[in-house]
């Protein structure tokens, strides 16, 4: 539960950084600031997608662990009969 809360907080902060990057790129007067703004947006998007991927990978690993434990327990109970 603690990891979910920290991931949510980091995700919100990265979304704010992405919005700041959009504002920087939109109001840029030179090419360097525009590139920096778009880079900040790209970094924020990739980071948030990484958080989402890690969340679903964790759920899938818990599901696989539960299925393998259930399979092992049913195999043990059928072999003891």
Protein backbone atom coordinates (compact mmCIF):
# COMPACT_ATOMS: atom_id res chain seq x y z
CA UNK A 1 0.00 0.00 0.00
CA UNK A 2 2.87 2.34 0.78
CA UNK A 3 4.37 1.83 -2.69
CA UNK A 4 1.05 2.71 -4.31
CA UNK A 5 0.86 5.98 -2.40
CA UNK A 6 4.42 6.99 -3.24
CA UNK A 7 3.89 6.05 -6.91
CA UNK A 8 0.76 8.22 -6.98
CA UNK A 9 2.60 11.19 -5.49
CA UNK A 10 5.51 10.80 -7.91
CA UNK A 11 3.07 10.42 -10.82
CA UNK A 12 1.28 13.64 -9.90
CA UNK A 13 4.59 15.49 -9.61
CA UNK A 14 5.70 14.18 -13.01
CA UNK A 15 2.38 15.29 -14.53
CA UNK A 16 3.00 18.77 -13.11
CA UNK A 17 6.52 18.73 -14.61
CA UNK A 18 4.98 17.75 -17.94
CA UNK A 19 2.56 20.67 -17.80
CA UNK A 20 5.41 23.02 -16.91
CA UNK A 21 7.28 21.67 -19.92
CA UNK A 22 4.28 22.38 -22.14
CA UNK A 23 4.11 25.95 -20.89
CA UNK A 24 7.85 26.37 -21.41
CA UNK A 25 7.62 25.05 -24.97
CA UNK A 26 4.57 27.15 -25.80
CA UNK A 27 6.09 30.39 -24.53
CA UNK A 28 9.64 29.77 -25.72
CA UNK A 29 11.36 32.61 -27.54
CA UNK A 30 14.33 30.52 -28.64
CA UNK A 31 14.87 26.99 -29.89
CA UNK A 32 16.78 25.79 -26.82
CA UNK A 33 13.94 26.53 -24.40
CA UNK A 34 11.45 24.90 -26.76
CA UNK A 35 13.58 21.75 -26.96
CA UNK A 36 13.93 21.72 -23.17
CA UNK A 37 10.16 22.06 -22.71
CA UNK A 38 9.37 19.25 -25.14
CA UNK A 39 12.07 17.08 -23.56
CA UNK A 40 10.52 17.65 -20.15
CA UNK A 41 7.12 16.61 -21.51
CA UNK A 42 8.60 13.47 -23.08
CA UNK A 43 10.43 12.57 -19.87
CA UNK A 44 7.26 13.01 -17.81
CA UNK A 45 5.19 10.88 -20.20
CA UNK A 46 7.75 8.07 -20.29
CA UNK A 47 8.11 8.12 -16.51
CA UNK A 48 4.34 7.95 -15.98
CA UNK A 49 4.02 5.09 -18.47
CA UNK A 50 6.80 3.33 -16.55
CA UNK A 51 4.85 3.75 -13.31
CA UNK A 52 1.74 2.30 -14.96
CA UNK A 53 3.74 -0.64 -16.37
CA UNK A 54 5.30 -1.35 -12.98
CA UNK A 55 1.88 -1.31 -11.33
CA UNK A 56 0.41 -3.86 -13.73
CA UNK A 57 3.57 -6.00 -13.64
CA UNK A 58 3.23 -6.18 -9.86
CA UNK A 59 -0.43 -7.21 -10.13
CA UNK A 60 0.43 -9.88 -12.70
CA UNK A 61 3.25 -11.31 -10.59
CA UNK A 62 0.90 -11.55 -7.60
CA UNK A 63 -1.68 -13.33 -9.76
CA UNK A 64 0.91 -15.78 -11.10
CA UNK A 65 2.16 -16.46 -7.57
CA UNK A 66 -1.39 -17.12 -6.36
CA UNK A 67 -2.15 -19.45 -9.28
CA UNK A 68 1.07 -21.42 -8.82
CA UNK A 69 0.44 -21.71 -5.07
CA UNK A 70 -3.09 -22.96 -5.70
CA UNK A 71 -1.81 -25.44 -8.27
CA UNK A 72 0.88 -26.70 -5.90
CA UNK A 73 -1.60 -27.13 -3.04
CA UNK A 74 -4.08 -29.01 -5.24
CA UNK A 75 -1.28 -31.27 -6.50
CA UNK A 76 -0.19 -32.02 -2.93
CA UNK A 77 -3.73 -32.78 -1.80
CA UNK A 78 -4.39 -35.13 -4.72
CA UNK A 79 -1.11 -36.99 -4.22
CA UNK A 80 -1.80 -37.55 -0.52
CA UNK A 81 -5.12 -39.24 -1.22
